[in-house]
Amino acid sequence: MAAVEVEKQRGRSAAVAIAALVIAAGIPLWWKTTETYRAWLPAARISELEALQLELRVEVEVVFARGTLSPEQQKKVPASRMREQQQQVDDKTGLKFTYETRFRTATVMEEDALNQPTAAEADHALHTLTETSCGSVVIYIIPEASALLPQDMRVYVGRSRTALLRSQVASVVGAGLPEVLAALDPQMEQVLQTMSFNHQDVTAALTDRLRPGLSTRDSLADSMRAFKSSPGYEITFSLLNPDPKHHQLHWDVEAALDAYIYPLLHKMAPVANFSVDSQILYYAVLGVNPRYDASASAYTLSADSLAHVINPVEARLGSNAASSNPVLNFLLYVPDSLHSPLIIRNDQKQEVASNAFHSPRWGGIMVYNVDGAYGNDTQFPVDIAIDMSRVMGVFLSQLRLMLGFQQTGAPPGFVLEAAGREGVAEWELDRLLWSRSVENVATASASITSLAQLLDQIANIVINDNIAQQVASAVTALQAAVAELEAGNLALALEHSREAISASERAFFDPSLLHLLYFPDDQKFAIYIPLFLPMCVPILLSLLKIFREVQQHRAEKRAKRD
């Protein structure tokens, strides 16, 4: 009996030891070796991005020329003034517009510049005298009797960040300085809405954070026409020659790019990187057959048929598979001799002056007729030199629309100077930078918050250190961009916003975040139960038997005491 009792006690000790080993070492070891690695993410900072409150600060300098203020009024001119506007876009997004206006009188050199014979010459002279920061606006108040502007012109907006505003002092004769400034405020507001951001542009840039119904129709159309913000763009110019037997085309595309396209892209360097190439495609025809119009003695393409032109031509263009950047296509199509001349008509059946059209977020096509080179004794093929100035003028306008330069409608009494050789005025570029900065911040914040919600809902996705680093970098860059916008540093805000959107996209589209790479919970149970159940059943039965024996032994002792 003693030997049997010793054997039972040894069995109990072995079962308890095995159970203790499994519980103390086996389960923690299994748990540690099979757990999903999830690097730390700044959840608190990410949650702050869900309620995005942006403040856009614009520095405005108002310069009074001689004759616009009396000596008494000049003494009372305030050094600066702040004006704020609030706009709550939705329950999670709010905007605050801050205009910091500084007042001063014109210097002697600025007075000399304002005495130029024309407004354009005065704007050029003022541009050489003043250094304006990116995003700022300088408004020169000139006397009402000044000959610099015609009588029917109130405001002249040049190519730089300066504007000439005709004073309305005559309407407030005898009034104090507050009345004079109050009379100028509506006009200065129009100048700022033209040269700087406006509420519609900023709201349109927030489309990634807004419900579709919150955007206006015009702002939504403008945002859909332009390409989304990207670190880089590929631009391709293609010459389509469907009839090389009759047309021998010559185009000096390199010289045209140097004269028209590269100056604009150089100004756009802070926004994105650009790659430009060109090609000639032979026997490339349109996807539709134009109809002959006897009244116009020409073949016509209606607006309804333009949508069917792109797909057949696009198959011949090739693709930039080595780059993930968007591609902007600009096609110059020379009709064959059997379908020439070829004209494009709009929805109102009117002939399009440029004989070109564009497709949103794709590119543009221009039809170049050469029927004027034919004669009764023409021998084919005909050597044709393409007028690249006319072609690039059309493509430059289309490129501006694709890059996000909106067509600014001048208010009554405003004159906007042409952009010139560079293709864009400085204030136009500032408008784009404001929109791009806000768009980048909205897109990056939406990507980061969506990624955080995804990772929170799906617990078995591994979060590598690289992803955590990208998320942290995106959040830091986002906060820096918001701070720079609040400080009015537009160039730095754009730079930080580009870093934020680049880091957020790398984290969001990382291949390791695919949910299908990991086993769901039901498959894990299907693997672990056949493995652990045969081992656990004897241990559990032994522990249960030991527990019953202990209970029985205690009951017997209690009975003996009773």
Protein backbone atom coordinates (compact mmCIF):
# COMPACT_ATOMS: atom_id res chain seq x y z
CA MET A 1 0.00 0.00 0.00
CA ALA A 2 2.86 2.32 0.74
CA ALA A 3 4.38 1.67 -2.67
CA VAL A 4 1.04 2.31 -4.39
CA GLU A 5 0.61 5.55 -2.49
CA VAL A 6 4.11 6.66 -3.43
CA GLU A 7 3.39 5.87 -7.09
CA LYS A 8 0.15 7.88 -6.97
CA GLN A 9 1.95 10.79 -5.36
CA ARG A 10 4.64 10.67 -8.05
CA GLY A 11 1.98 10.71 -10.76
CA ARG A 12 0.26 13.67 -9.14
CA SER A 13 3.56 15.55 -8.91
CA ALA A 14 4.38 14.80 -12.55
CA ALA A 15 0.96 16.00 -13.75
CA VAL A 16 1.19 19.17 -11.69
CA ALA A 17 4.76 19.81 -12.90
CA ILE A 18 3.76 19.33 -16.55
CA ALA A 19 0.73 21.59 -16.11
CA ALA A 20 2.84 24.23 -14.37
CA LEU A 21 5.44 24.06 -17.12
CA VAL A 22 2.78 24.44 -19.80
CA ILE A 23 1.10 27.35 -18.03
CA ALA A 24 4.25 29.15 -16.86
CA ALA A 25 6.48 28.62 -19.89
CA GLY A 26 4.59 27.00 -22.78
CA ILE A 27 1.65 29.38 -23.09
CA PRO A 28 3.74 32.60 -22.75
CA LEU A 29 6.30 31.23 -25.22
CA TRP A 30 3.57 30.27 -27.69
CA TRP A 31 1.85 33.62 -27.22
CA LYS A 32 5.05 35.58 -27.74
CA THR A 33 6.21 33.64 -30.79
CA THR A 34 2.83 33.78 -32.55
CA GLU A 35 1.74 37.32 -31.73
CA THR A 36 1.38 39.89 -34.53
CA TYR A 37 4.14 42.47 -34.48
CA ARG A 38 2.65 45.94 -34.43
CA ALA A 39 5.00 48.87 -34.14
CA TRP A 40 3.88 51.87 -32.14
CA LEU A 41 1.88 54.52 -33.98
CA PRO A 42 1.22 58.07 -32.71
CA ALA A 43 -2.49 57.43 -32.19
CA ALA A 44 -3.10 60.63 -30.21
CA ARG A 45 -1.52 62.82 -32.89
CA ILE A 46 -3.39 60.96 -35.64
CA SER A 47 -6.72 61.45 -33.86
CA GLU A 48 -6.07 65.20 -33.87
CA LEU A 49 -5.98 65.11 -37.69
CA GLU A 50 -9.59 63.95 -37.85
CA ALA A 51 -10.71 67.43 -36.78
CA LEU A 52 -8.62 69.57 -39.13
CA GLN A 53 -8.73 73.29 -38.46
CA LEU A 54 -6.66 75.16 -41.04
CA GLU A 55 -5.61 78.78 -40.75
CA LEU A 56 -4.37 80.56 -43.87
CA ARG A 57 -2.51 83.78 -43.26
CA VAL A 58 -1.84 86.32 -46.01
CA GLU A 59 0.53 89.26 -45.64
CA VAL A 60 -0.88 92.34 -47.37
CA GLU A 61 1.05 95.57 -47.76
CA VAL A 62 -0.90 98.71 -48.67
CA VAL A 63 1.24 101.57 -49.98
CA PHE A 64 -0.28 105.05 -50.32
CA ALA A 65 1.15 107.13 -53.13
CA ARG A 66 1.47 110.89 -53.01
CA GLY A 67 -1.89 112.61 -53.31
CA THR A 68 -4.04 109.83 -51.89
CA LEU A 69 -3.97 110.99 -48.26
CA SER A 70 -3.83 114.39 -46.64
CA PRO A 71 -0.97 115.19 -44.21
CA GLU A 72 -3.32 114.79 -41.27
CA GLN A 73 -4.50 111.44 -42.53
CA GLN A 74 -0.94 110.24 -43.09
CA LYS A 75 -0.14 110.86 -39.42
CA LYS A 76 -3.03 108.65 -38.35
CA VAL A 77 -2.33 105.71 -40.67
CA PRO A 78 -2.09 102.57 -38.49
CA ALA A 79 1.01 100.45 -38.73
CA SER A 80 -0.96 97.23 -39.24
CA ARG A 81 -4.42 95.74 -39.03
CA MET A 82 -5.71 92.18 -38.67
CA ARG A 83 -8.86 90.86 -40.29
CA GLU A 84 -10.15 87.33 -39.80
CA GLN A 85 -12.85 85.24 -41.44
CA GLN A 86 -14.16 81.91 -40.19
CA GLN A 87 -15.68 79.15 -42.32
CA GLN A 88 -16.79 75.80 -40.91
CA VAL A 89 -16.79 73.52 -43.94
CA ASP A 90 -18.22 70.48 -42.17
CA ASP A 91 -18.27 68.95 -38.70
CA LYS A 92 -14.59 67.89 -38.93
CA THR A 93 -13.05 70.58 -41.14
CA GLY A 94 -12.84 74.29 -40.51
CA LEU A 95 -11.07 77.19 -42.20
CA LYS A 96 -9.81 80.46 -40.85
CA PHE A 97 -8.58 83.20 -43.17
CA THR A 98 -6.31 85.80 -41.60
CA TYR A 99 -5.29 88.93 -43.49
CA GLU A 100 -2.43 90.84 -41.88
CA THR A 101 -2.40 94.27 -43.51
CA ARG A 102 0.47 96.72 -43.06
CA PHE A 103 0.14 100.35 -44.16
CA ARG A 104 2.86 102.78 -45.24
CA THR A 105 3.51 105.62 -47.67
CA ALA A 106 5.45 105.23 -50.91
CA THR A 107 9.17 105.89 -50.99
CA VAL A 108 10.82 108.32 -53.39
CA MET A 109 11.92 105.51 -55.72
CA GLU A 110 8.43 104.03 -55.70
CA GLU A 111 6.99 107.45 -56.58
CA ASP A 112 9.36 107.58 -59.56
CA ALA A 113 8.19 104.13 -60.61
CA LEU A 114 4.56 105.20 -60.37
CA ASN A 115 5.31 108.11 -62.73
CA GLN A 116 5.96 105.74 -65.64
CA PRO A 117 3.81 106.35 -68.73
CA THR A 118 1.99 102.99 -68.59
CA ALA A 119 0.81 100.66 -65.88
CA ALA A 120 2.86 97.78 -67.28
CA GLU A 121 6.06 99.81 -67.06
CA ALA A 122 5.19 100.93 -63.55
CA ASP A 123 4.56 97.33 -62.50
CA HIS A 124 7.93 96.27 -63.92
CA ALA A 125 9.71 99.14 -62.15
CA LEU A 126 8.00 98.35 -58.84
CA HIS A 127 8.91 94.68 -59.19
CA THR A 128 12.61 95.57 -59.39
CA LEU A 129 12.33 97.76 -56.27
CA THR A 130 10.40 95.49 -53.91
CA GLU A 131 11.04 91.93 -52.80
CA THR A 132 7.79 90.18 -52.01
CA SER A 133 7.58 86.83 -50.28
CA CYS A 134 5.67 83.90 -51.67
CA GLY A 135 1.95 84.30 -50.98
CA SER A 136 2.05 88.00 -50.10
CA VAL A 137 0.26 90.83 -51.92
CA VAL A 138 1.30 94.50 -52.33
CA ILE A 139 -1.40 97.04 -53.24
CA TYR A 140 -0.37 100.53 -54.36
CA ILE A 141 -3.06 103.15 -53.85
CA ILE A 142 -2.72 105.81 -56.55
CA PRO A 143 -4.65 109.11 -56.81
CA GLU A 144 -7.95 109.15 -58.61
CA ALA A 145 -6.65 111.73 -61.10
CA SER A 146 -3.58 109.63 -61.97
CA ALA A 147 -3.02 109.12 -65.70
CA LEU A 148 -1.42 105.76 -65.05
CA LEU A 149 -4.78 104.01 -65.42
CA PRO A 150 -7.55 104.87 -67.89
CA GLN A 151 -10.67 106.40 -66.45
CA ASP A 152 -12.68 103.18 -66.83
CA MET A 153 -10.01 101.12 -65.06
CA ARG A 154 -9.97 100.86 -61.26
CA VAL A 155 -7.41 98.12 -60.66
CA TYR A 156 -4.40 96.91 -62.60
CA VAL A 157 -2.92 93.52 -61.67
CA GLY A 158 0.53 92.94 -63.11
CA ARG A 159 2.72 89.90 -63.52
CA SER A 160 4.26 90.13 -60.07
CA ARG A 161 2.55 90.27 -56.68
CA THR A 162 1.68 93.95 -56.97
CA ALA A 163 -1.54 95.71 -57.93
CA LEU A 164 -2.41 99.33 -58.66
CA LEU A 165 -5.67 100.51 -57.10
CA ARG A 166 -7.25 103.84 -57.96
CA SER A 167 -8.25 105.71 -54.83
CA GLN A 168 -11.83 106.94 -54.36
CA VAL A 169 -10.85 109.83 -52.06
CA ALA A 170 -13.03 112.24 -54.02
CA SER A 171 -16.13 110.42 -52.84
CA VAL A 172 -15.16 110.89 -49.19
CA VAL A 173 -13.86 114.45 -49.22
CA GLY A 174 -13.61 115.83 -45.70
CA ALA A 175 -13.89 112.40 -44.15
CA GLY A 176 -11.40 111.03 -41.68
CA LEU A 177 -8.98 108.20 -42.18
CA PRO A 178 -11.40 105.49 -40.96
CA GLU A 179 -13.89 106.51 -43.64
CA VAL A 180 -11.16 106.48 -46.31
CA LEU A 181 -10.03 103.00 -45.29
CA ALA A 182 -13.63 101.81 -45.16
CA ALA A 183 -14.11 103.02 -48.73
CA LEU A 184 -10.99 101.12 -49.83
CA ASP A 185 -11.84 97.88 -48.03
CA PRO A 186 -14.31 96.47 -50.62
CA GLN A 187 -11.88 97.17 -53.46
CA MET A 188 -8.95 95.64 -51.59
CA GLU A 189 -11.13 92.62 -50.85
CA GLN A 190 -11.68 92.17 -54.60
CA VAL A 191 -7.95 92.46 -55.23
CA LEU A 192 -7.19 89.79 -52.64
CA GLN A 193 -9.88 87.48 -54.00
CA THR A 194 -8.25 87.83 -57.43
CA MET A 195 -4.55 87.65 -56.55
CA SER A 196 -4.64 85.35 -53.54
CA PHE A 197 -6.78 82.38 -52.55
CA ASN A 198 -10.53 82.60 -52.33
CA HIS A 199 -12.98 80.48 -50.41
CA GLN A 200 -14.12 78.50 -53.45
CA ASP A 201 -10.57 77.47 -54.41
CA VAL A 202 -9.70 76.35 -50.89
CA THR A 203 -12.96 74.45 -50.46
CA ALA A 204 -12.41 72.69 -53.79
CA ALA A 205 -8.94 71.64 -52.59
CA LEU A 206 -10.57 69.88 -49.61
CA THR A 207 -12.53 67.40 -51.75
CA ASP A 208 -10.72 64.40 -50.20
CA ARG A 209 -12.18 65.32 -46.80
CA LEU A 210 -15.63 66.53 -47.87
CA ARG A 211 -18.81 64.78 -48.83
CA PRO A 212 -19.70 65.24 -52.53
CA GLY A 213 -22.66 67.49 -51.77
CA LEU A 214 -20.56 70.11 -49.96
CA SER A 215 -18.63 71.27 -53.05
CA THR A 216 -20.10 73.75 -55.49
CA ARG A 217 -20.64 72.71 -59.08
CA ASP A 218 -18.05 75.12 -60.47
CA SER A 219 -15.37 74.26 -57.91
CA LEU A 220 -16.00 70.54 -58.41
CA ALA A 221 -15.70 70.91 -62.18
CA ASP A 222 -12.42 72.83 -61.83
CA SER A 223 -10.99 70.23 -59.44
CA MET A 224 -11.98 67.38 -61.76
CA ARG A 225 -10.37 69.07 -64.77
CA ALA A 226 -6.95 69.42 -63.17
CA PHE A 227 -4.69 66.55 -62.18
CA LYS A 228 -4.48 65.66 -58.52
CA SER A 229 -1.38 66.74 -56.69
CA SER A 230 1.54 64.43 -57.42
CA PRO A 231 5.31 64.47 -56.77
CA GLY A 232 5.90 64.40 -60.52
CA TYR A 233 4.26 64.48 -63.94
CA GLU A 234 5.16 63.00 -67.32
CA ILE A 235 4.35 65.28 -70.29
CA THR A 236 4.30 63.81 -73.79
CA PHE A 237 3.91 65.79 -77.02
CA SER A 238 2.91 63.65 -80.01
CA LEU A 239 2.64 64.51 -83.69
CA LEU A 240 0.11 62.29 -85.46
CA ASN A 241 0.64 61.91 -89.21
CA PRO A 242 -2.05 59.59 -90.59
CA ASP A 243 -1.01 60.23 -94.20
CA PRO A 244 2.81 60.17 -94.53
CA LYS A 245 2.51 59.45 -98.27
CA HIS A 246 1.07 62.92 -98.86
CA HIS A 247 2.41 64.90 -95.88
CA GLN A 248 6.01 65.22 -94.85
CA LEU A 249 5.71 67.11 -91.57
CA HIS A 250 8.46 69.07 -89.88
CA TRP A 251 8.10 70.42 -86.34
CA ASP A 252 10.84 72.04 -84.31
CA VAL A 253 9.50 70.75 -81.02
CA GLU A 254 12.71 71.27 -79.06
CA ALA A 255 12.86 74.99 -79.80
CA ALA A 256 9.13 75.30 -79.08
CA LEU A 257 9.51 73.59 -75.71
CA ASP A 258 12.39 75.90 -74.81
CA ALA A 259 10.33 78.96 -75.71
CA TYR A 260 6.91 78.08 -74.31
CA ILE A 261 6.84 75.04 -72.00
CA TYR A 262 10.10 74.97 -70.06
CA PRO A 263 9.72 78.51 -68.61
CA LEU A 264 6.38 77.48 -67.10
CA LEU A 265 7.78 74.19 -65.78
CA HIS A 266 10.73 76.05 -64.28
CA LYS A 267 8.30 78.25 -62.34
CA MET A 268 6.42 75.09 -61.30
CA ALA A 269 9.54 73.45 -59.85
CA PRO A 270 8.38 73.97 -56.22
CA VAL A 271 5.13 72.14 -56.98
CA ALA A 272 6.38 68.97 -58.71
CA ASN A 273 9.05 67.43 -60.92
CA PHE A 274 8.38 67.26 -64.66
CA SER A 275 9.65 65.00 -67.41
CA VAL A 276 9.00 66.00 -71.03
CA ASP A 277 9.33 63.89 -74.18
CA SER A 278 8.03 63.94 -77.75
CA GLN A 279 7.28 61.48 -80.52
CA ILE A 280 5.95 61.21 -84.07
CA LEU A 281 3.35 58.56 -84.86
CA TYR A 282 2.64 57.56 -88.44
CA TYR A 283 -0.64 56.13 -89.73
CA ALA A 284 -2.36 57.11 -86.48
CA VAL A 285 -5.99 57.89 -87.27
CA LEU A 286 -8.89 59.15 -85.21
CA GLY A 287 -11.44 56.73 -83.82
CA VAL A 288 -14.37 58.41 -85.60
CA ASN A 289 -15.09 59.34 -89.19
CA PRO A 290 -15.68 63.07 -89.60
CA ARG A 291 -18.75 64.23 -91.49
CA TYR A 292 -18.59 66.51 -94.49
CA ASP A 293 -20.45 69.80 -94.17
CA ALA A 294 -21.18 71.29 -97.57
CA SER A 295 -22.06 74.70 -96.12
CA ALA A 296 -18.61 74.99 -94.54
CA SER A 297 -16.79 73.05 -97.30
CA ALA A 298 -15.02 71.11 -94.57
CA TYR A 299 -15.20 67.95 -92.51
CA THR A 300 -16.49 68.41 -88.98
CA LEU A 301 -16.19 66.74 -85.60
CA SER A 302 -19.07 67.39 -83.24
CA ALA A 303 -18.74 67.68 -79.48
CA ASP A 304 -20.57 64.38 -79.03
CA SER A 305 -17.99 62.47 -81.07
CA LEU A 306 -14.91 63.88 -79.32
CA ALA A 307 -15.14 61.34 -76.50
CA HIS A 308 -14.63 58.53 -79.04
CA VAL A 309 -11.47 60.07 -80.46
CA ILE A 310 -9.15 59.41 -77.51
CA ASN A 311 -9.29 55.65 -76.94
CA PRO A 312 -8.07 54.47 -80.40
CA VAL A 313 -5.33 57.10 -80.40
CA GLU A 314 -4.28 56.33 -76.83
CA ALA A 315 -3.48 52.75 -77.78
CA ARG A 316 -0.70 54.08 -80.04
CA LEU A 317 0.81 56.47 -77.53
CA GLY A 318 2.58 53.90 -75.39
CA SER A 319 2.75 53.98 -71.62
CA ASN A 320 5.30 55.08 -69.06
CA ALA A 321 5.25 51.82 -67.13
CA ALA A 322 8.52 52.68 -65.40
CA SER A 323 6.92 55.67 -63.66
CA SER A 324 3.90 55.92 -61.40
CA ASN A 325 3.47 59.64 -62.12
CA PRO A 326 0.44 60.91 -64.05
CA VAL A 327 0.90 61.39 -67.79
CA LEU A 328 -0.26 64.50 -69.64
CA ASN A 329 -0.78 63.86 -73.35
CA PHE A 330 -0.79 66.63 -75.94
CA LEU A 331 -1.52 65.51 -79.48
CA LEU A 332 -1.14 67.48 -82.70
CA TYR A 333 -3.22 65.80 -85.40
CA VAL A 334 -2.74 66.65 -89.08
CA PRO A 335 -5.73 65.34 -91.09
CA ASP A 336 -5.08 63.28 -94.18
CA SER A 337 -5.68 64.77 -97.59
CA LEU A 338 -9.06 63.05 -97.95
CA HIS A 339 -10.48 64.61 -94.76
CA SER A 340 -9.01 68.08 -94.93
CA PRO A 341 -9.86 70.66 -93.74
CA LEU A 342 -11.19 69.26 -90.47
CA ILE A 343 -12.88 71.55 -87.95
CA ILE A 344 -14.20 70.97 -84.43
CA ARG A 345 -17.60 72.27 -83.35
CA ASN A 346 -18.85 72.78 -79.80
CA ASP A 347 -22.23 71.97 -78.28
CA GLN A 348 -23.75 75.06 -79.90
CA LYS A 349 -22.61 73.82 -83.36
CA GLN A 350 -20.14 76.70 -83.53
CA GLU A 351 -16.62 76.33 -84.83
CA VAL A 352 -13.97 76.22 -82.10
CA ALA A 353 -11.48 79.02 -82.70
CA SER A 354 -8.46 77.02 -81.54
CA ASN A 355 -9.65 73.87 -83.35
CA ALA A 356 -8.67 71.93 -80.24
CA PHE A 357 -10.24 70.29 -77.22
CA HIS A 358 -9.02 68.83 -73.94
CA SER A 359 -10.02 65.86 -71.82
CA PRO A 360 -9.96 66.33 -68.02
CA ARG A 361 -6.96 64.68 -66.34
CA TRP A 362 -5.75 63.26 -69.65
CA GLY A 363 -4.54 65.97 -72.02
CA GLY A 364 -5.47 67.82 -75.18
CA ILE A 365 -5.76 67.33 -78.93
CA MET A 366 -5.34 69.99 -81.58
CA VAL A 367 -6.30 69.56 -85.24
CA TYR A 368 -3.84 71.31 -87.56
CA ASN A 369 -5.15 71.78 -91.10
CA VAL A 370 -2.64 71.99 -93.96
CA ASP A 371 -5.01 72.08 -96.93
CA GLY A 372 -3.70 75.56 -97.75
CA ALA A 373 -0.43 73.97 -98.91
CA TYR A 374 -2.20 72.16 -101.74
CA GLY A 375 -2.40 73.46 -105.28
CA ASN A 376 -3.45 72.28 -108.71
CA ASP A 377 0.05 71.13 -109.57
CA THR A 378 1.03 69.90 -106.11
CA GLN A 379 3.38 66.96 -106.04
CA PHE A 380 3.14 64.64 -103.08
CA PRO A 381 4.52 64.27 -100.50
CA VAL A 382 4.23 67.93 -99.53
CA ASP A 383 6.84 69.37 -97.18
CA ILE A 384 4.97 71.19 -94.40
CA ALA A 385 6.62 73.24 -91.65
CA ILE A 386 4.28 73.45 -88.66
CA ASP A 387 3.77 76.84 -87.02
CA MET A 388 4.83 75.88 -83.50
CA SER A 389 3.97 79.26 -82.00
CA ARG A 390 0.28 78.72 -82.79
CA VAL A 391 0.40 75.10 -81.63
CA MET A 392 2.23 75.77 -78.37
CA GLY A 393 -0.07 78.66 -77.57
CA VAL A 394 -2.98 76.20 -77.49
CA PHE A 395 -1.06 73.49 -75.64
CA LEU A 396 0.20 76.00 -73.06
CA SER A 397 -3.37 77.05 -72.25
CA GLN A 398 -4.41 73.42 -71.90
CA LEU A 399 -1.37 72.63 -69.76
CA ARG A 400 -2.24 75.46 -67.39
CA LEU A 401 -5.73 74.01 -66.91
CA MET A 402 -4.35 70.51 -66.33
CA LEU A 403 -1.89 71.75 -63.72
CA GLY A 404 -4.60 73.55 -61.78
CA PHE A 405 -4.35 77.19 -62.93
CA GLN A 406 -7.96 78.29 -62.87
CA GLN A 407 -9.34 80.80 -65.31
CA THR A 408 -9.58 83.93 -63.19
CA GLY A 409 -12.52 86.10 -64.08
CA ALA A 410 -11.62 89.76 -63.69
CA PRO A 411 -14.21 91.85 -61.82
CA PRO A 412 -15.55 94.96 -63.56
CA GLY A 413 -12.89 97.64 -63.79
CA PHE A 414 -10.02 95.16 -63.38
CA VAL A 415 -7.30 94.56 -65.95
CA LEU A 416 -5.08 91.49 -65.61
CA GLU A 417 -1.75 91.69 -67.38
CA ALA A 418 -0.90 88.74 -69.63
CA ALA A 419 1.43 86.18 -68.09
CA GLY A 420 4.14 86.74 -70.70
CA ARG A 421 6.88 84.39 -71.76
CA GLU A 422 6.95 82.42 -68.49
CA GLY A 423 3.33 81.41 -68.97
CA VAL A 424 2.28 82.27 -65.42
CA ALA A 425 2.27 85.36 -63.25
CA GLU A 426 3.70 85.23 -59.75
CA TRP A 427 0.31 85.79 -58.13
CA GLU A 428 -1.19 83.01 -60.28
CA LEU A 429 1.50 80.66 -59.03
CA ASP A 430 0.73 81.72 -55.45
CA ARG A 431 -2.94 80.88 -55.95
CA LEU A 432 -1.93 77.42 -57.13
CA LEU A 433 0.47 76.96 -54.21
CA TRP A 434 -2.29 77.81 -51.72
CA SER A 435 -4.59 75.25 -53.33
CA ARG A 436 -1.89 72.58 -53.60
CA SER A 437 -0.80 73.03 -49.99
CA VAL A 438 -4.35 72.69 -48.70
CA GLU A 439 -5.00 69.77 -51.05
CA ASN A 440 -1.85 67.96 -49.89
CA VAL A 441 -2.74 68.48 -46.25
CA ALA A 442 -6.30 67.24 -46.81
CA THR A 443 -5.19 64.19 -48.81
CA ALA A 444 -2.40 63.22 -46.42
CA SER A 445 -4.59 63.62 -43.33
CA ALA A 446 -7.35 61.54 -44.94
CA SER A 447 -4.84 58.80 -45.87
CA ILE A 448 -3.28 58.67 -42.40
CA THR A 449 -6.59 58.62 -40.52
CA SER A 450 -7.99 55.97 -42.87
CA LEU A 451 -4.87 53.84 -42.39
CA ALA A 452 -5.10 54.18 -38.61
CA GLN A 453 -8.76 53.11 -38.65
CA LEU A 454 -7.94 50.15 -40.90
CA LEU A 455 -5.13 48.96 -38.65
CA ASP A 456 -7.33 49.38 -35.59
CA GLN A 457 -10.13 47.29 -37.10
CA ILE A 458 -7.91 44.48 -38.43
CA ALA A 459 -5.75 43.40 -35.51
CA ASN A 460 -3.76 40.67 -37.28
CA ILE A 461 -2.02 42.98 -39.78
CA VAL A 462 1.68 43.37 -39.04
CA ILE A 463 2.87 46.96 -38.62
CA ASN A 464 6.55 47.06 -39.50
CA ASP A 465 8.95 49.63 -38.14
CA ASN A 466 9.26 51.10 -41.63
CA ILE A 467 5.51 51.75 -41.80
CA ALA A 468 5.48 53.26 -38.33
CA GLN A 469 8.36 55.54 -39.32
CA GLN A 470 6.52 56.66 -42.47
CA VAL A 471 3.34 57.34 -40.50
CA ALA A 472 5.26 59.32 -37.89
CA SER A 473 7.05 61.29 -40.61
CA ALA A 474 3.75 62.05 -42.33
CA VAL A 475 2.13 63.23 -39.10
CA THR A 476 5.14 65.43 -38.26
CA ALA A 477 5.20 66.93 -41.76
CA LEU A 478 1.44 67.52 -41.61
CA GLN A 479 1.70 69.39 -38.34
CA ALA A 480 4.60 71.43 -39.72
CA ALA A 481 2.62 72.28 -42.88
CA VAL A 482 -0.38 73.41 -40.83
CA ALA A 483 1.90 75.55 -38.65
CA GLU A 484 3.56 77.16 -41.68
CA LEU A 485 0.17 77.95 -43.23
CA GLU A 486 -0.82 79.58 -39.98
CA ALA A 487 2.39 81.62 -40.03
CA GLY A 488 1.91 82.64 -43.67
CA ASN A 489 5.04 80.83 -44.93
CA LEU A 490 3.54 79.45 -48.13
CA ALA A 491 6.74 78.02 -49.64
CA LEU A 492 7.62 76.06 -46.50
CA ALA A 493 4.01 74.92 -46.10
CA LEU A 494 4.04 73.49 -49.62
CA GLU A 495 7.35 71.72 -48.99
CA HIS A 496 6.12 70.10 -45.77
CA SER A 497 2.80 69.15 -47.35
CA ARG A 498 4.61 67.39 -50.20
CA GLU A 499 6.67 65.45 -47.65
CA ALA A 500 3.47 64.53 -45.80
CA ILE A 501 1.61 63.24 -48.83
CA SER A 502 4.65 61.29 -50.05
CA ALA A 503 5.17 59.59 -46.66
CA SER A 504 1.45 58.89 -46.20
CA GLU A 505 1.15 57.25 -49.62
CA ARG A 506 4.22 55.08 -49.03
CA ALA A 507 2.71 53.89 -45.75
CA PHE A 508 -0.83 53.45 -47.09
CA PHE A 509 0.19 51.43 -50.16
CA ASP A 510 2.90 49.33 -48.50
CA PRO A 511 2.56 45.71 -49.74
CA SER A 512 2.99 44.29 -46.23
CA LEU A 513 -0.35 45.77 -45.17
CA LEU A 514 -2.40 43.41 -47.32
CA HIS A 515 -4.91 41.63 -45.10
CA LEU A 516 -4.76 38.49 -47.27
CA LEU A 517 -1.14 37.91 -46.25
CA TYR A 518 -2.23 36.82 -42.77
CA PHE A 519 -4.36 33.97 -41.41
CA PRO A 520 -7.80 34.90 -40.12
CA ASP A 521 -8.78 33.76 -36.62
CA ASP A 522 -10.88 30.78 -37.75
CA GLN A 523 -7.93 29.33 -39.68
CA LYS A 524 -5.67 29.82 -36.67
CA PHE A 525 -8.07 27.78 -34.52
CA ALA A 526 -8.20 25.11 -37.22
CA ILE A 527 -4.40 24.81 -37.02
CA TYR A 528 -3.91 25.03 -33.26
CA ILE A 529 -6.75 22.76 -32.05
CA PRO A 530 -5.43 19.53 -33.68
CA LEU A 531 -1.96 20.41 -32.41
CA PHE A 532 -2.71 21.27 -28.77
CA LEU A 533 -5.90 19.36 -27.98
CA PRO A 534 -4.31 15.84 -27.86
CA MET A 535 -1.64 17.16 -25.51
CA CYS A 536 -3.97 19.19 -23.31
CA VAL A 537 -6.66 16.52 -22.75
CA PRO A 538 -4.46 14.15 -20.62
CA ILE A 539 -3.12 17.10 -18.65
CA LEU A 540 -6.59 18.46 -17.97
CA LEU A 541 -7.95 14.99 -17.01
CA SER A 542 -5.02 14.43 -14.66
CA LEU A 543 -5.55 17.83 -13.01
CA LEU A 544 -9.27 17.12 -12.71
CA LYS A 545 -8.55 13.71 -11.07
CA ILE A 546 -6.07 15.32 -8.66
CA PHE A 547 -8.64 17.96 -7.77
CA ARG A 548 -11.27 15.31 -7.02
CA GLU A 549 -8.86 13.30 -4.90
CA VAL A 550 -7.94 16.38 -2.90
CA GLN A 551 -11.60 17.17 -2.39
CA GLN A 552 -12.30 13.57 -1.30
CA HIS A 553 -9.32 13.56 1.08
CA ARG A 554 -10.54 16.80 2.71
CA ALA A 555 -14.03 15.35 3.09
CA GLU A 556 -12.67 12.24 4.81
CA LYS A 557 -10.63 14.35 7.25
CA ARG A 558 -13.65 16.49 8.01
CA ALA A 559 -15.73 13.31 8.69
CA LYS A 560 -13.10 11.93 11.06
CA ARG A 561 -13.04 15.18 13.05
CA ASP A 562 -16.80 15.13 13.33
